[in-house]
Amino acid sequence: MTALDALRRGNPHLTILSLAETPEHALYRRADVDAGAFLAAAKAIVPEEANAYIPRDEAMSASPAAHAVARRVFGELPMQAGWNYGGNTRMNGMEWHKSAEVVVACTDVVLLLGSHADIHDDAYDSARAFGLYLQAGEAVELHPYTLHLAPLPVSGGRFVAAILLPEGTNLPLAGGIEGTLRAVNKWLLVHPDNRRGVELGGKIGVFGENISLVGLD
């Protein structure tokens, strides 16, 4: 039994796709990335239980691998390469950008994805989401408006992923937050079970199950 088969068996109520089986989708496509550079840099990261997000890693942003993504995906727009890592366990919400985003899996992960078209009156039913399984070294380009949040770890309870976005994305807004607009080029709805997200002022708008993933441990 493959890891993907085991994930599907352990999570029968969640549709889980893979880049191997579905490299092209309405919400994403496989990204041509020199993953080796990111995998090598990720070895220095020791993720703790709490999730961490670093918008810009100066060394990675200046690397040839990142510059190649900036050209192929963003048409040479200024771009930042950073990291998301930790012990995420649940969906907790859905965010979106009005630009593409590239995720390079440095451990095996599952991304929970959804369509912005399924948001109505700032409300989203989590049952409409699906999982995308990425093996370490695989990279995906999420299309603009694709709903997503932090990856879920497949094994070991921790994940590491490189995140590449237009420069400034996810940084504080000069004009302050407003409704679902939470940061530069970032809109967000949170699940009511996401206590930290609610305490930080996130707009509650993801309803239904706060999806978790049964991993391979």
C-alpha atoms as a PDB file:
ATOM      1  CA  MET A   1       0.000   0.000   0.000  1.00  0.00           C
ATOM      2  CA  THR A   2       1.346   3.425  -0.940  1.00  0.00           C
ATOM      3  CA  ALA A   3       1.361   6.401   1.425  1.00  0.00           C
ATOM      4  CA  LEU A   4      -1.405   7.973  -0.651  1.00  0.00           C
ATOM      5  CA  ASP A   5      -3.526   4.828  -0.390  1.00  0.00           C
ATOM      6  CA  ALA A   6      -3.012   4.798   3.383  1.00  0.00           C
ATOM      7  CA  LEU A   7      -3.990   8.456   3.663  1.00  0.00           C
ATOM      8  CA  ARG A   8      -7.153   7.868   1.680  1.00  0.00           C
ATOM      9  CA  ARG A   9      -8.056   4.845   3.770  1.00  0.00           C
ATOM     10  CA  GLY A  10      -7.474   6.750   7.010  1.00  0.00           C
ATOM     11  CA  ASN A  11      -9.471   9.779   5.839  1.00  0.00           C
ATOM     12  CA  PRO A  12     -12.471   8.341   3.977  1.00  0.00           C
ATOM     13  CA  HIS A  13     -14.542  11.536   4.222  1.00  0.00           C
ATOM     14  CA  LEU A  14     -11.852  13.705   2.586  1.00  0.00           C
ATOM     15  CA  THR A  15     -11.080  13.583  -1.121  1.00  0.00           C
ATOM     16  CA  ILE A  16      -7.285  13.520  -1.466  1.00  0.00           C
ATOM     17  CA  LEU A  17      -5.674  14.179  -4.840  1.00  0.00           C
ATOM     18  CA  SER A  18      -1.981  13.981  -5.701  1.00  0.00           C
ATOM     19  CA  LEU A  19       0.298  15.776  -8.137  1.00  0.00           C
ATOM     20  CA  ALA A  20       1.290  12.417  -9.603  1.00  0.00           C
ATOM     21  CA  GLU A  21      -2.310  11.617 -10.534  1.00  0.00           C
ATOM     22  CA  THR A  22      -3.633  15.151 -11.093  1.00  0.00           C
ATOM     23  CA  PRO A  23      -0.820  17.526 -12.092  1.00  0.00           C
ATOM     24  CA  GLU A  24      -3.288  20.000 -13.648  1.00  0.00           C
ATOM     25  CA  HIS A  25      -6.429  21.217 -11.873  1.00  0.00           C
ATOM     26  CA  ALA A  26      -8.701  24.250 -11.967  1.00  0.00           C
ATOM     27  CA  LEU A  27      -7.135  25.425  -8.684  1.00  0.00           C
ATOM     28  CA  TYR A  28      -3.477  24.467  -9.135  1.00  0.00           C
ATOM     29  CA  ARG A  29      -0.800  22.959 -11.347  1.00  0.00           C
ATOM     30  CA  ARG A  30       2.539  21.267 -10.841  1.00  0.00           C
ATOM     31  CA  ALA A  31       5.341  23.851 -10.599  1.00  0.00           C
ATOM     32  CA  ASP A  32       8.737  23.443 -12.254  1.00  0.00           C
ATOM     33  CA  VAL A  33      11.044  24.138  -9.310  1.00  0.00           C
ATOM     34  CA  ASP A  34      14.621  23.193  -8.366  1.00  0.00           C
ATOM     35  CA  ALA A  35      13.403  21.607  -5.153  1.00  0.00           C
ATOM     36  CA  GLY A  36      16.881  20.444  -4.139  1.00  0.00           C
ATOM     37  CA  ALA A  37      17.890  23.949  -3.071  1.00  0.00           C
ATOM     38  CA  PHE A  38      14.854  24.249  -0.799  1.00  0.00           C
ATOM     39  CA  LEU A  39      15.232  20.743   0.616  1.00  0.00           C
ATOM     40  CA  ALA A  40      18.856  21.465   1.498  1.00  0.00           C
ATOM     41  CA  ALA A  41      17.987  24.743   3.236  1.00  0.00           C
ATOM     42  CA  ALA A  42      15.068  23.124   5.089  1.00  0.00           C
ATOM     43  CA  LYS A  43      17.442  20.771   6.902  1.00  0.00           C
ATOM     44  CA  ALA A  44      18.379  23.662   9.184  1.00  0.00           C
ATOM     45  CA  ILE A  45      14.759  24.125  10.301  1.00  0.00           C
ATOM     46  CA  VAL A  46      13.556  22.277  13.397  1.00  0.00           C
ATOM     47  CA  PRO A  47       9.788  22.836  13.553  1.00  0.00           C
ATOM     48  CA  GLU A  48       8.099  23.073  16.931  1.00  0.00           C
ATOM     49  CA  GLU A  49       4.441  22.382  17.693  1.00  0.00           C
ATOM     50  CA  ALA A  50       3.357  25.968  17.070  1.00  0.00           C
ATOM     51  CA  ASN A  51       3.115  27.037  13.459  1.00  0.00           C
ATOM     52  CA  ALA A  52       5.636  29.603  12.230  1.00  0.00           C
ATOM     53  CA  TYR A  53       5.595  31.678   9.067  1.00  0.00           C
ATOM     54  CA  ILE A  54       8.598  33.597   7.762  1.00  0.00           C
ATOM     55  CA  PRO A  55       7.561  35.706   4.738  1.00  0.00           C
ATOM     56  CA  ARG A  56      11.081  36.279   3.447  1.00  0.00           C
ATOM     57  CA  ASP A  57      14.297  34.316   3.833  1.00  0.00           C
ATOM     58  CA  GLU A  58      16.954  36.595   2.335  1.00  0.00           C
ATOM     59  CA  ALA A  59      19.272  33.783   1.249  1.00  0.00           C
ATOM     60  CA  MET A  60      16.516  31.749  -0.378  1.00  0.00           C
ATOM     61  CA  SER A  61      14.944  34.803  -2.021  1.00  0.00           C
ATOM     62  CA  ALA A  62      18.310  35.565  -3.660  1.00  0.00           C
ATOM     63  CA  SER A  63      18.914  31.962  -4.744  1.00  0.00           C
ATOM     64  CA  PRO A  64      18.917  30.864  -8.410  1.00  0.00           C
ATOM     65  CA  ALA A  65      16.059  28.451  -7.602  1.00  0.00           C
ATOM     66  CA  ALA A  66      13.873  31.299  -6.363  1.00  0.00           C
ATOM     67  CA  HIS A  67      14.811  33.558  -9.276  1.00  0.00           C
ATOM     68  CA  ALA A  68      13.737  30.817 -11.672  1.00  0.00           C
ATOM     69  CA  VAL A  69      10.320  30.678  -9.982  1.00  0.00           C
ATOM     70  CA  ALA A  70      10.068  34.475 -10.090  1.00  0.00           C
ATOM     71  CA  ARG A  71      10.494  34.351 -13.862  1.00  0.00           C
ATOM     72  CA  ARG A  72       8.451  31.249 -14.713  1.00  0.00           C
ATOM     73  CA  VAL A  73       5.513  31.863 -12.387  1.00  0.00           C
ATOM     74  CA  PHE A  74       5.471  35.585 -11.616  1.00  0.00           C
ATOM     75  CA  GLY A  75       6.893  37.010 -14.841  1.00  0.00           C
ATOM     76  CA  GLU A  76       9.819  38.629 -12.971  1.00  0.00           C
ATOM     77  CA  LEU A  77       7.645  40.488 -10.484  1.00  0.00           C
ATOM     78  CA  PRO A  78       9.522  41.103  -7.217  1.00  0.00           C
ATOM     79  CA  MET A  79       9.086  37.918  -5.188  1.00  0.00           C
ATOM     80  CA  GLN A  80       9.788  36.641  -1.684  1.00  0.00           C
ATOM     81  CA  ALA A  81      10.740  33.097  -0.700  1.00  0.00           C
ATOM     82  CA  GLY A  82       9.992  32.157   2.885  1.00  0.00           C
ATOM     83  CA  TRP A  83       8.957  29.276   5.119  1.00  0.00           C
ATOM     84  CA  ASN A  84       5.927  27.809   6.843  1.00  0.00           C
ATOM     85  CA  TYR A  85       6.558  25.058   9.381  1.00  0.00           C
ATOM     86  CA  GLY A  86       5.231  23.554  12.583  1.00  0.00           C
ATOM     87  CA  GLY A  87       2.707  21.096  13.939  1.00  0.00           C
ATOM     88  CA  ASN A  88      -0.526  22.204  12.304  1.00  0.00           C
ATOM     89  CA  THR A  89      -3.345  19.740  12.974  1.00  0.00           C
ATOM     90  CA  ARG A  90      -6.540  21.281  11.585  1.00  0.00           C
ATOM     91  CA  MET A  91      -7.984  23.315   8.749  1.00  0.00           C
ATOM     92  CA  ASN A  92      -8.674  26.338  11.049  1.00  0.00           C
ATOM     93  CA  GLY A  93      -9.635  28.651   8.186  1.00  0.00           C
ATOM     94  CA  MET A  94      -9.136  29.507   4.548  1.00  0.00           C
ATOM     95  CA  GLU A  95      -7.107  32.354   3.067  1.00  0.00           C
ATOM     96  CA  TRP A  96      -6.595  33.511  -0.485  1.00  0.00           C
ATOM     97  CA  HIS A  97      -4.401  35.837  -2.506  1.00  0.00           C
ATOM     98  CA  LYS A  98      -5.110  37.702  -5.725  1.00  0.00           C
ATOM     99  CA  SER A  99      -1.915  36.224  -7.118  1.00  0.00           C
ATOM    100  CA  ALA A 100      -0.365  32.820  -7.561  1.00  0.00           C
ATOM    101  CA  GLU A 101       1.507  31.126  -4.718  1.00  0.00           C
ATOM    102  CA  VAL A 102       4.133  28.402  -5.010  1.00  0.00           C
ATOM    103  CA  VAL A 103       4.454  25.808  -2.254  1.00  0.00           C
ATOM    104  CA  VAL A 104       7.505  23.538  -2.152  1.00  0.00           C
ATOM    105  CA  ALA A 105       6.971  20.572   0.159  1.00  0.00           C
ATOM    106  CA  CYS A 106      10.101  19.886   2.192  1.00  0.00           C
ATOM    107  CA  THR A 107       8.308  17.113   4.097  1.00  0.00           C
ATOM    108  CA  ASP A 108       5.298  15.112   2.952  1.00  0.00           C
ATOM    109  CA  VAL A 109       2.214  17.292   3.453  1.00  0.00           C
ATOM    110  CA  VAL A 110      -1.450  17.598   2.571  1.00  0.00           C
ATOM    111  CA  LEU A 111      -2.822  20.995   1.535  1.00  0.00           C
ATOM    112  CA  LEU A 112      -6.522  21.618   2.121  1.00  0.00           C
ATOM    113  CA  LEU A 113      -7.774  23.534  -0.923  1.00  0.00           C
ATOM    114  CA  GLY A 114     -11.028  25.097  -2.020  1.00  0.00           C
ATOM    115  CA  SER A 115     -12.573  27.437  -4.562  1.00  0.00           C
ATOM    116  CA  HIS A 116     -13.256  31.081  -3.779  1.00  0.00           C
ATOM    117  CA  ALA A 117     -16.413  30.753  -5.871  1.00  0.00           C
ATOM    118  CA  ASP A 118     -17.865  28.629  -3.057  1.00  0.00           C
ATOM    119  CA  ILE A 119     -17.766  31.559  -0.608  1.00  0.00           C
ATOM    120  CA  HIS A 120     -21.177  33.192  -0.262  1.00  0.00           C
ATOM    121  CA  ASP A 121     -21.810  36.183   2.010  1.00  0.00           C
ATOM    122  CA  ASP A 122     -18.398  35.605   3.604  1.00  0.00           C
ATOM    123  CA  ALA A 123     -19.317  32.012   4.516  1.00  0.00           C
ATOM    124  CA  TYR A 124     -17.604  28.820   3.340  1.00  0.00           C
ATOM    125  CA  ASP A 125     -18.659  25.207   3.972  1.00  0.00           C
ATOM    126  CA  SER A 126     -15.587  23.159   4.862  1.00  0.00           C
ATOM    127  CA  ALA A 127     -17.203  20.100   3.262  1.00  0.00           C
ATOM    128  CA  ARG A 128     -16.336  21.638  -0.128  1.00  0.00           C
ATOM    129  CA  ALA A 129     -12.592  21.434   0.551  1.00  0.00           C
ATOM    130  CA  PHE A 130     -10.318  18.654  -0.681  1.00  0.00           C
ATOM    131  CA  GLY A 131      -6.776  17.566   0.076  1.00  0.00           C
ATOM    132  CA  LEU A 132      -3.728  17.678  -2.175  1.00  0.00           C
ATOM    133  CA  TYR A 133      -0.934  15.296  -1.203  1.00  0.00           C
ATOM    134  CA  LEU A 134       2.595  16.548  -1.862  1.00  0.00           C
ATOM    135  CA  GLN A 135       5.635  14.383  -1.347  1.00  0.00           C
ATOM    136  CA  ALA A 136       8.836  16.031  -0.141  1.00  0.00           C
ATOM    137  CA  GLY A 137      10.440  17.688  -3.159  1.00  0.00           C
ATOM    138  CA  GLU A 138       7.196  18.292  -5.046  1.00  0.00           C
ATOM    139  CA  ALA A 139       6.041  21.845  -5.777  1.00  0.00           C
ATOM    140  CA  VAL A 140       2.650  23.244  -6.681  1.00  0.00           C
ATOM    141  CA  GLU A 141       1.503  26.572  -8.069  1.00  0.00           C
ATOM    142  CA  LEU A 142      -1.787  27.594  -6.480  1.00  0.00           C
ATOM    143  CA  HIS A 143      -3.790  29.766  -8.849  1.00  0.00           C
ATOM    144  CA  PRO A 144      -5.065  33.185  -7.708  1.00  0.00           C
ATOM    145  CA  TYR A 145      -8.088  32.982  -5.371  1.00  0.00           C
ATOM    146  CA  THR A 146      -7.418  29.330  -4.472  1.00  0.00           C
ATOM    147  CA  LEU A 147      -8.444  28.819  -0.837  1.00  0.00           C
ATOM    148  CA  HIS A 148      -5.751  27.318   1.401  1.00  0.00           C
ATOM    149  CA  LEU A 149      -4.014  27.708   4.751  1.00  0.00           C
ATOM    150  CA  ALA A 150      -1.104  25.994   6.504  1.00  0.00           C
ATOM    151  CA  PRO A 151      -0.191  22.476   5.314  1.00  0.00           C
ATOM    152  CA  LEU A 152      -1.008  19.400   7.376  1.00  0.00           C
ATOM    153  CA  PRO A 153       1.857  17.012   8.223  1.00  0.00           C
ATOM    154  CA  VAL A 154       1.577  13.474   6.883  1.00  0.00           C
ATOM    155  CA  SER A 155       3.959  11.847   9.372  1.00  0.00           C
ATOM    156  CA  GLY A 156       5.990  12.846  12.410  1.00  0.00           C
ATOM    157  CA  GLY A 157       3.519  15.520  13.447  1.00  0.00           C
ATOM    158  CA  ARG A 158       5.574  18.331  11.884  1.00  0.00           C
ATOM    159  CA  PHE A 159       5.867  19.882   8.442  1.00  0.00           C
ATOM    160  CA  VAL A 160       8.194  22.220   6.558  1.00  0.00           C
ATOM    161  CA  ALA A 161       7.282  23.984   3.334  1.00  0.00           C
ATOM    162  CA  ALA A 162       8.835  26.803   1.323  1.00  0.00           C
ATOM    163  CA  ILE A 163       6.348  29.533   0.345  1.00  0.00           C
ATOM    164  CA  LEU A 164       6.970  31.814  -2.643  1.00  0.00           C
ATOM    165  CA  LEU A 165       4.748  34.861  -3.187  1.00  0.00           C
ATOM    166  CA  PRO A 166       4.872  38.367  -4.661  1.00  0.00           C
ATOM    167  CA  GLU A 167       7.004  40.695  -2.557  1.00  0.00           C
ATOM    168  CA  GLY A 168       5.174  42.088   0.474  1.00  0.00           C
ATOM    169  CA  THR A 169       2.415  39.483   0.610  1.00  0.00           C
ATOM    170  CA  ASN A 170       1.270  38.715   4.183  1.00  0.00           C
ATOM    171  CA  LEU A 171       2.965  41.794   5.626  1.00  0.00           C
ATOM    172  CA  PRO A 172       0.953  44.289   7.753  1.00  0.00           C
ATOM    173  CA  LEU A 173      -1.436  46.611   5.941  1.00  0.00           C
ATOM    174  CA  ALA A 174      -0.653  50.325   5.932  1.00  0.00           C
ATOM    175  CA  GLY A 175      -4.367  51.065   6.190  1.00  0.00           C
ATOM    176  CA  GLY A 176      -5.209  48.438   8.804  1.00  0.00           C
ATOM    177  CA  ILE A 177      -7.339  45.307   8.556  1.00  0.00           C
ATOM    178  CA  GLU A 178     -10.862  45.461   7.143  1.00  0.00           C
ATOM    179  CA  GLY A 179     -13.280  42.535   7.075  1.00  0.00           C
ATOM    180  CA  THR A 180     -11.607  39.599   5.381  1.00  0.00           C
ATOM    181  CA  LEU A 181      -8.595  41.712   4.297  1.00  0.00           C
ATOM    182  CA  ARG A 182      -6.011  40.774   6.939  1.00  0.00           C
ATOM    183  CA  ALA A 183      -2.599  41.582   5.426  1.00  0.00           C
ATOM    184  CA  VAL A 184      -1.032  42.710   2.163  1.00  0.00           C
ATOM    185  CA  ASN A 185      -2.552  40.554  -0.612  1.00  0.00           C
ATOM    186  CA  LYS A 186      -4.162  38.293   2.012  1.00  0.00           C
ATOM    187  CA  TRP A 187      -7.847  37.719   2.648  1.00  0.00           C
ATOM    188  CA  LEU A 188      -8.944  35.286   5.366  1.00  0.00           C
ATOM    189  CA  LEU A 189     -11.938  33.545   6.897  1.00  0.00           C
ATOM    190  CA  VAL A 190     -11.418  31.581  10.111  1.00  0.00           C
ATOM    191  CA  HIS A 191     -13.220  28.614  11.623  1.00  0.00           C
ATOM    192  CA  PRO A 192     -14.897  29.343  14.992  1.00  0.00           C
ATOM    193  CA  ASP A 193     -12.811  26.548  16.568  1.00  0.00           C
ATOM    194  CA  ASN A 194      -9.652  28.497  15.701  1.00  0.00           C
ATOM    195  CA  ARG A 195      -9.438  30.333  19.030  1.00  0.00           C
ATOM    196  CA  ARG A 196      -6.169  32.105  18.252  1.00  0.00           C
ATOM    197  CA  GLY A 197      -7.469  33.266  14.874  1.00  0.00           C
ATOM    198  CA  VAL A 198     -10.652  34.594  16.460  1.00  0.00           C
ATOM    199  CA  GLU A 199      -8.717  36.316  19.261  1.00  0.00           C
ATOM    200  CA  LEU A 200      -6.567  38.061  16.641  1.00  0.00           C
ATOM    201  CA  GLY A 201      -9.709  39.478  15.052  1.00  0.00           C
ATOM    202  CA  GLY A 202     -10.143  37.038  12.199  1.00  0.00           C
ATOM    203  CA  LYS A 203     -13.564  37.111  10.551  1.00  0.00           C
ATOM    204  CA  ILE A 204     -15.448  33.883  11.315  1.00  0.00           C
ATOM    205  CA  GLY A 205     -16.701  32.409   8.069  1.00  0.00           C
ATOM    206  CA  VAL A 206     -15.620  28.765   7.694  1.00  0.00           C
ATOM    207  CA  PHE A 207     -18.353  26.456   8.951  1.00  0.00           C
ATOM    208  CA  GLY A 208     -18.804  22.715   9.249  1.00  0.00           C
ATOM    209  CA  GLU A 209     -16.073  20.348  10.371  1.00  0.00           C
ATOM    210  CA  ASN A 210     -12.729  21.876  11.292  1.00  0.00           C
ATOM    211  CA  ILE A 211     -10.980  19.256   9.158  1.00  0.00           C
ATOM    212  CA  SER A 212      -8.077  17.302  10.605  1.00  0.00           C
ATOM    213  CA  LEU A 213      -5.908  14.699   8.900  1.00  0.00           C
ATOM    214  CA  VAL A 214      -5.289  11.171  10.119  1.00  0.00           C
ATOM    215  CA  GLY A 215      -1.594  10.803   9.304  1.00  0.00           C
ATOM    216  CA  LEU A 216       0.600   7.757   8.843  1.00  0.00           C
ATOM    217  CA  ASP A 217       2.014   7.518  12.376  1.00  0.00           C
END
